[in-house]
N, C-alpha and C. Protein backbone atom coordinates (compact mmCIF):
# COMPACT_ATOMS: atom_id res chain seq x y z
N MET A 1 -1.07 30.82 -1.63
CA MET A 1 -2.08 30.86 -0.60
C MET A 1 -2.77 29.50 -0.54
N GLN A 2 -2.76 28.90 0.62
CA GLN A 2 -3.39 27.60 0.81
C GLN A 2 -4.88 27.77 1.09
N GLY A 3 -5.62 26.66 0.96
CA GLY A 3 -7.07 26.68 1.14
C GLY A 3 -7.51 27.25 2.47
N SER A 4 -6.85 26.84 3.57
CA SER A 4 -7.25 27.34 4.88
C SER A 4 -6.97 28.84 5.01
N GLN A 5 -5.87 29.32 4.40
CA GLN A 5 -5.56 30.76 4.43
C GLN A 5 -6.61 31.53 3.64
N LEU A 6 -7.01 30.98 2.48
CA LEU A 6 -8.05 31.63 1.68
C LEU A 6 -9.36 31.71 2.45
N GLU A 7 -9.72 30.63 3.13
CA GLU A 7 -10.96 30.62 3.92
C GLU A 7 -10.89 31.66 5.04
N GLU A 8 -9.73 31.75 5.69
CA GLU A 8 -9.55 32.73 6.77
C GLU A 8 -9.66 34.15 6.22
N ASP A 9 -9.00 34.39 5.08
CA ASP A 9 -9.06 35.72 4.45
C ASP A 9 -10.49 36.06 4.03
N LEU A 10 -11.19 35.10 3.45
CA LEU A 10 -12.56 35.33 3.02
C LEU A 10 -13.46 35.63 4.23
N GLN A 11 -13.21 34.97 5.35
CA GLN A 11 -14.01 35.23 6.54
C GLN A 11 -13.76 36.64 7.07
N LYS A 12 -12.51 37.10 7.03
CA LYS A 12 -12.18 38.47 7.45
C LYS A 12 -12.94 39.48 6.57
N ILE A 13 -12.97 39.19 5.27
CA ILE A 13 -13.66 40.08 4.33
C ILE A 13 -15.15 40.07 4.60
N LYS A 14 -15.72 38.89 4.80
CA LYS A 14 -17.16 38.79 5.06
C LYS A 14 -17.55 39.54 6.33
N THR A 15 -16.72 39.45 7.36
CA THR A 15 -16.98 40.18 8.61
C THR A 15 -16.93 41.68 8.36
N PHE A 16 -15.92 42.14 7.61
CA PHE A 16 -15.80 43.56 7.27
C PHE A 16 -17.03 44.04 6.51
N LEU A 17 -17.46 43.25 5.52
CA LEU A 17 -18.63 43.63 4.74
C LEU A 17 -19.88 43.70 5.61
N SER A 18 -20.06 42.70 6.44
CA SER A 18 -21.22 42.68 7.33
C SER A 18 -21.21 43.89 8.27
N ASP A 19 -20.04 44.21 8.82
CA ASP A 19 -19.92 45.36 9.71
C ASP A 19 -20.25 46.67 9.02
N ASN A 20 -20.09 46.70 7.68
CA ASN A 20 -20.36 47.92 6.91
C ASN A 20 -21.68 47.86 6.15
N GLY A 21 -22.49 46.85 6.43
CA GLY A 21 -23.81 46.76 5.82
C GLY A 21 -23.78 46.43 4.32
N ILE A 22 -22.74 45.72 3.90
CA ILE A 22 -22.59 45.36 2.49
C ILE A 22 -22.81 43.85 2.35
N LYS A 23 -23.64 43.46 1.39
CA LYS A 23 -23.92 42.05 1.14
C LYS A 23 -22.96 41.53 0.08
N LEU A 24 -22.55 40.29 0.24
CA LEU A 24 -21.69 39.62 -0.74
C LEU A 24 -22.48 38.48 -1.37
N LEU A 25 -22.60 38.54 -2.70
CA LEU A 25 -23.31 37.51 -3.44
C LEU A 25 -22.37 36.90 -4.47
N PHE A 26 -22.54 35.62 -4.71
CA PHE A 26 -21.76 34.93 -5.73
C PHE A 26 -22.69 34.55 -6.88
N SER A 27 -22.18 34.67 -8.08
CA SER A 27 -22.98 34.43 -9.28
C SER A 27 -22.24 33.47 -10.20
N SER A 28 -23.00 32.71 -10.97
CA SER A 28 -22.38 31.83 -11.96
C SER A 28 -21.91 32.61 -13.18
N ASP A 29 -22.33 33.88 -13.29
CA ASP A 29 -21.85 34.74 -14.37
C ASP A 29 -20.39 35.08 -14.14
N ALA A 30 -19.73 35.52 -15.19
CA ALA A 30 -18.32 35.91 -15.07
C ALA A 30 -18.15 37.33 -14.58
N GLU A 31 -19.23 38.12 -14.61
CA GLU A 31 -19.13 39.54 -14.28
C GLU A 31 -19.04 39.78 -12.78
N ASN A 32 -18.20 40.76 -12.40
CA ASN A 32 -18.06 41.21 -11.02
C ASN A 32 -18.50 42.66 -10.97
N TYR A 33 -19.27 43.02 -9.95
CA TYR A 33 -19.69 44.41 -9.86
C TYR A 33 -20.23 44.72 -8.47
N ILE A 34 -20.40 46.01 -8.24
CA ILE A 34 -21.01 46.47 -7.00
C ILE A 34 -22.27 47.25 -7.34
N ASP A 35 -23.31 47.01 -6.59
CA ASP A 35 -24.55 47.75 -6.75
C ASP A 35 -24.66 48.68 -5.55
N HIS A 36 -24.40 49.97 -5.78
CA HIS A 36 -24.41 50.94 -4.68
C HIS A 36 -25.81 51.13 -4.10
N HIS A 37 -26.85 50.94 -4.90
CA HIS A 37 -28.21 51.16 -4.43
C HIS A 37 -28.65 50.11 -3.42
N THR A 38 -28.19 48.88 -3.62
CA THR A 38 -28.57 47.80 -2.71
C THR A 38 -27.43 47.40 -1.78
N SER A 39 -26.28 48.06 -1.91
CA SER A 39 -25.08 47.73 -1.12
C SER A 39 -24.73 46.25 -1.25
N GLU A 40 -24.67 45.81 -2.51
CA GLU A 40 -24.32 44.42 -2.79
C GLU A 40 -23.09 44.36 -3.69
N ILE A 41 -22.21 43.43 -3.35
CA ILE A 41 -21.08 43.10 -4.21
C ILE A 41 -21.39 41.74 -4.81
N VAL A 42 -21.33 41.66 -6.13
CA VAL A 42 -21.60 40.40 -6.83
C VAL A 42 -20.30 39.94 -7.48
N ILE A 43 -19.93 38.71 -7.18
CA ILE A 43 -18.67 38.15 -7.66
C ILE A 43 -18.95 36.88 -8.47
N GLY A 44 -18.38 36.85 -9.67
CA GLY A 44 -18.50 35.66 -10.51
C GLY A 44 -17.63 34.54 -9.97
N CYS A 45 -18.15 33.34 -10.01
CA CYS A 45 -17.45 32.19 -9.44
C CYS A 45 -16.49 31.51 -10.42
N ARG A 46 -16.37 32.04 -11.61
CA ARG A 46 -15.49 31.42 -12.61
C ARG A 46 -14.06 31.93 -12.49
N GLN A 47 -13.60 32.10 -11.28
CA GLN A 47 -12.25 32.59 -11.01
C GLN A 47 -11.57 31.65 -10.01
N THR A 48 -10.27 31.73 -9.95
CA THR A 48 -9.57 30.96 -8.93
C THR A 48 -9.94 31.54 -7.56
N PRO A 49 -9.83 30.75 -6.51
CA PRO A 49 -10.18 31.28 -5.17
C PRO A 49 -9.38 32.53 -4.81
N LYS A 50 -8.09 32.58 -5.14
CA LYS A 50 -7.29 33.76 -4.83
C LYS A 50 -7.80 34.97 -5.61
N HIS A 51 -8.16 34.75 -6.85
CA HIS A 51 -8.68 35.84 -7.69
C HIS A 51 -10.01 36.34 -7.11
N VAL A 52 -10.82 35.44 -6.58
CA VAL A 52 -12.09 35.84 -5.95
C VAL A 52 -11.81 36.80 -4.79
N VAL A 53 -10.86 36.44 -3.94
CA VAL A 53 -10.52 37.30 -2.79
C VAL A 53 -10.06 38.67 -3.28
N TYR A 54 -9.18 38.70 -4.27
CA TYR A 54 -8.66 39.97 -4.77
C TYR A 54 -9.76 40.79 -5.46
N THR A 55 -10.64 40.11 -6.16
CA THR A 55 -11.73 40.81 -6.84
C THR A 55 -12.70 41.41 -5.83
N ILE A 56 -12.98 40.69 -4.75
CA ILE A 56 -13.85 41.25 -3.71
C ILE A 56 -13.20 42.51 -3.13
N LEU A 57 -11.91 42.45 -2.85
CA LEU A 57 -11.21 43.62 -2.33
C LEU A 57 -11.30 44.79 -3.31
N HIS A 58 -11.15 44.50 -4.59
CA HIS A 58 -11.26 45.54 -5.62
C HIS A 58 -12.66 46.17 -5.59
N GLU A 59 -13.68 45.34 -5.52
CA GLU A 59 -15.05 45.87 -5.49
C GLU A 59 -15.30 46.67 -4.21
N ILE A 60 -14.73 46.24 -3.09
CA ILE A 60 -14.82 47.03 -1.86
C ILE A 60 -14.15 48.38 -2.09
N GLY A 61 -13.03 48.36 -2.83
CA GLY A 61 -12.35 49.61 -3.17
C GLY A 61 -13.27 50.56 -3.91
N HIS A 62 -14.07 50.03 -4.87
CA HIS A 62 -15.05 50.86 -5.56
C HIS A 62 -16.05 51.46 -4.57
N TYR A 63 -16.50 50.64 -3.64
CA TYR A 63 -17.53 51.07 -2.70
C TYR A 63 -17.06 52.28 -1.88
N PHE A 64 -15.78 52.27 -1.50
CA PHE A 64 -15.25 53.31 -0.63
C PHE A 64 -14.46 54.39 -1.37
N LEU A 65 -14.60 54.45 -2.69
CA LEU A 65 -13.92 55.51 -3.44
C LEU A 65 -14.52 56.87 -3.13
N ASP A 66 -13.66 57.85 -3.01
CA ASP A 66 -14.11 59.21 -2.74
C ASP A 66 -14.33 60.00 -4.02
N ILE A 67 -14.00 59.43 -5.16
CA ILE A 67 -14.09 60.16 -6.42
C ILE A 67 -15.14 59.51 -7.31
N HIS A 68 -15.98 60.34 -7.87
CA HIS A 68 -16.99 59.86 -8.82
C HIS A 68 -17.07 60.88 -9.95
N PHE A 69 -17.00 60.40 -11.16
CA PHE A 69 -17.01 61.28 -12.32
C PHE A 69 -18.43 61.54 -12.78
N ASP A 70 -18.67 62.74 -13.30
CA ASP A 70 -20.00 63.11 -13.79
C ASP A 70 -20.37 62.35 -15.05
N SER A 71 -19.37 62.06 -15.87
CA SER A 71 -19.64 61.30 -17.09
C SER A 71 -18.61 60.18 -17.22
N GLU A 72 -19.03 59.12 -17.88
CA GLU A 72 -18.13 57.98 -18.08
C GLU A 72 -17.41 58.13 -19.40
N THR A 73 -16.13 58.34 -19.32
CA THR A 73 -15.27 58.33 -20.49
C THR A 73 -14.29 57.19 -20.29
N LYS A 74 -13.60 56.83 -21.32
CA LYS A 74 -12.61 55.77 -21.19
C LYS A 74 -11.58 56.14 -20.12
N SER A 75 -11.15 57.39 -20.13
CA SER A 75 -10.17 57.85 -19.14
C SER A 75 -10.72 57.78 -17.73
N SER A 76 -11.94 58.23 -17.52
CA SER A 76 -12.51 58.24 -16.17
C SER A 76 -12.70 56.80 -15.66
N ILE A 77 -13.08 55.90 -16.54
CA ILE A 77 -13.25 54.49 -16.15
C ILE A 77 -11.92 53.90 -15.72
N VAL A 78 -10.87 54.14 -16.50
CA VAL A 78 -9.55 53.60 -16.17
C VAL A 78 -9.06 54.20 -14.86
N ILE A 79 -9.24 55.49 -14.67
CA ILE A 79 -8.83 56.14 -13.43
C ILE A 79 -9.55 55.51 -12.24
N GLU A 80 -10.87 55.36 -12.38
CA GLU A 80 -11.64 54.77 -11.29
C GLU A 80 -11.20 53.33 -11.00
N GLU A 81 -10.92 52.58 -12.03
CA GLU A 81 -10.46 51.20 -11.83
C GLU A 81 -9.13 51.16 -11.09
N VAL A 82 -8.20 51.99 -11.49
CA VAL A 82 -6.89 52.04 -10.82
C VAL A 82 -7.07 52.41 -9.35
N LEU A 83 -7.88 53.43 -9.09
CA LEU A 83 -8.10 53.86 -7.72
C LEU A 83 -8.79 52.78 -6.88
N ALA A 84 -9.72 52.04 -7.49
CA ALA A 84 -10.41 50.97 -6.76
C ALA A 84 -9.45 49.84 -6.41
N TRP A 85 -8.55 49.51 -7.34
CA TRP A 85 -7.55 48.49 -7.04
C TRP A 85 -6.65 48.97 -5.90
N ASP A 86 -6.26 50.23 -5.94
CA ASP A 86 -5.40 50.78 -4.90
C ASP A 86 -6.10 50.80 -3.54
N ARG A 87 -7.35 51.26 -3.52
CA ARG A 87 -8.11 51.29 -2.28
C ARG A 87 -8.36 49.87 -1.76
N GLY A 88 -8.68 48.94 -2.65
CA GLY A 88 -8.88 47.55 -2.25
C GLY A 88 -7.64 46.94 -1.62
N TYR A 89 -6.49 47.26 -2.19
CA TYR A 89 -5.23 46.77 -1.64
C TYR A 89 -5.03 47.30 -0.22
N ASP A 90 -5.27 48.60 -0.04
CA ASP A 90 -5.13 49.20 1.29
C ASP A 90 -6.07 48.55 2.30
N ILE A 91 -7.30 48.30 1.89
CA ILE A 91 -8.27 47.65 2.78
C ILE A 91 -7.80 46.23 3.11
N GLY A 92 -7.30 45.54 2.10
CA GLY A 92 -6.76 44.19 2.34
C GLY A 92 -5.62 44.21 3.35
N GLN A 93 -4.75 45.18 3.24
CA GLN A 93 -3.65 45.31 4.21
C GLN A 93 -4.19 45.58 5.61
N THR A 94 -5.18 46.46 5.71
CA THR A 94 -5.79 46.77 7.01
C THR A 94 -6.42 45.54 7.63
N LEU A 95 -7.06 44.71 6.79
CA LEU A 95 -7.71 43.49 7.28
C LEU A 95 -6.72 42.34 7.48
N GLN A 96 -5.46 42.60 7.17
CA GLN A 96 -4.39 41.60 7.27
C GLN A 96 -4.68 40.38 6.39
N ILE A 97 -5.11 40.69 5.15
CA ILE A 97 -5.32 39.66 4.15
C ILE A 97 -3.97 39.33 3.55
N ASN A 98 -3.73 38.06 3.31
CA ASN A 98 -2.47 37.59 2.74
C ASN A 98 -2.48 37.88 1.24
N ILE A 99 -1.89 39.01 0.83
CA ILE A 99 -1.86 39.41 -0.57
C ILE A 99 -0.47 39.15 -1.14
N ASP A 100 -0.43 38.39 -2.21
CA ASP A 100 0.82 38.19 -2.95
C ASP A 100 0.94 39.36 -3.91
N ASP A 101 1.90 40.24 -3.66
CA ASP A 101 2.01 41.48 -4.43
C ASP A 101 2.16 41.24 -5.93
N GLU A 102 2.92 40.23 -6.32
CA GLU A 102 3.11 39.95 -7.74
C GLU A 102 1.80 39.49 -8.39
N ASP A 103 1.09 38.59 -7.71
CA ASP A 103 -0.20 38.12 -8.24
C ASP A 103 -1.21 39.27 -8.30
N TRP A 104 -1.22 40.11 -7.25
CA TRP A 104 -2.13 41.26 -7.20
C TRP A 104 -1.88 42.16 -8.41
N LYS A 105 -0.61 42.50 -8.64
CA LYS A 105 -0.26 43.38 -9.75
C LYS A 105 -0.65 42.76 -11.09
N GLU A 106 -0.43 41.47 -11.23
CA GLU A 106 -0.76 40.79 -12.49
C GLU A 106 -2.26 40.83 -12.76
N ILE A 107 -3.06 40.52 -11.75
CA ILE A 107 -4.51 40.54 -11.91
C ILE A 107 -5.00 41.96 -12.16
N MET A 108 -4.47 42.93 -11.40
CA MET A 108 -4.85 44.32 -11.57
C MET A 108 -4.53 44.80 -12.99
N GLU A 109 -3.32 44.55 -13.45
CA GLU A 109 -2.92 45.00 -14.78
C GLU A 109 -3.77 44.35 -15.87
N ASP A 110 -4.07 43.07 -15.71
CA ASP A 110 -4.90 42.38 -16.69
C ASP A 110 -6.29 42.99 -16.75
N CYS A 111 -6.88 43.25 -15.61
CA CYS A 111 -8.22 43.84 -15.56
C CYS A 111 -8.23 45.25 -16.15
N ILE A 112 -7.24 46.04 -15.79
CA ILE A 112 -7.18 47.41 -16.32
C ILE A 112 -6.93 47.41 -17.81
N ARG A 113 -6.10 46.49 -18.27
CA ARG A 113 -5.83 46.37 -19.72
C ARG A 113 -7.12 46.11 -20.49
N GLN A 114 -8.00 45.30 -19.92
CA GLN A 114 -9.28 45.00 -20.59
C GLN A 114 -10.10 46.27 -20.79
N TYR A 115 -10.09 47.17 -19.80
CA TYR A 115 -10.82 48.44 -19.94
C TYR A 115 -10.18 49.32 -21.01
N ILE A 116 -8.86 49.32 -21.05
CA ILE A 116 -8.14 50.15 -22.03
C ILE A 116 -8.41 49.66 -23.45
N GLU A 117 -8.49 48.34 -23.61
CA GLU A 117 -8.64 47.76 -24.94
C GLU A 117 -10.09 47.74 -25.44
N GLN A 118 -11.03 48.09 -24.60
CA GLN A 118 -12.45 48.09 -25.00
C GLN A 118 -12.72 49.18 -26.02
């Protein structure tokens, strides 16, 4: 993905977020998360630009998940993470974001592995 393609993809995402009343914030921290109470997605800037795009899609996936567990267990966290990656991918496809399937899978598996190993 070239710089201009990344910028175009990021603009599509920003428009989608704005249309859905979701704010996108960037942080110098490494942590990525969504705050459902304030409708904010916070993305750490210590990632490659492509990883930033994929991470935003993943966090959007969390925002639009239909499943929420009553308690947080390791299993429920992993399930939610997998579903958020899947939902984010679908949203990316709908927005016609240029997703490299191999890179997506690699980033997704690495992130999920971190939850499993915690």
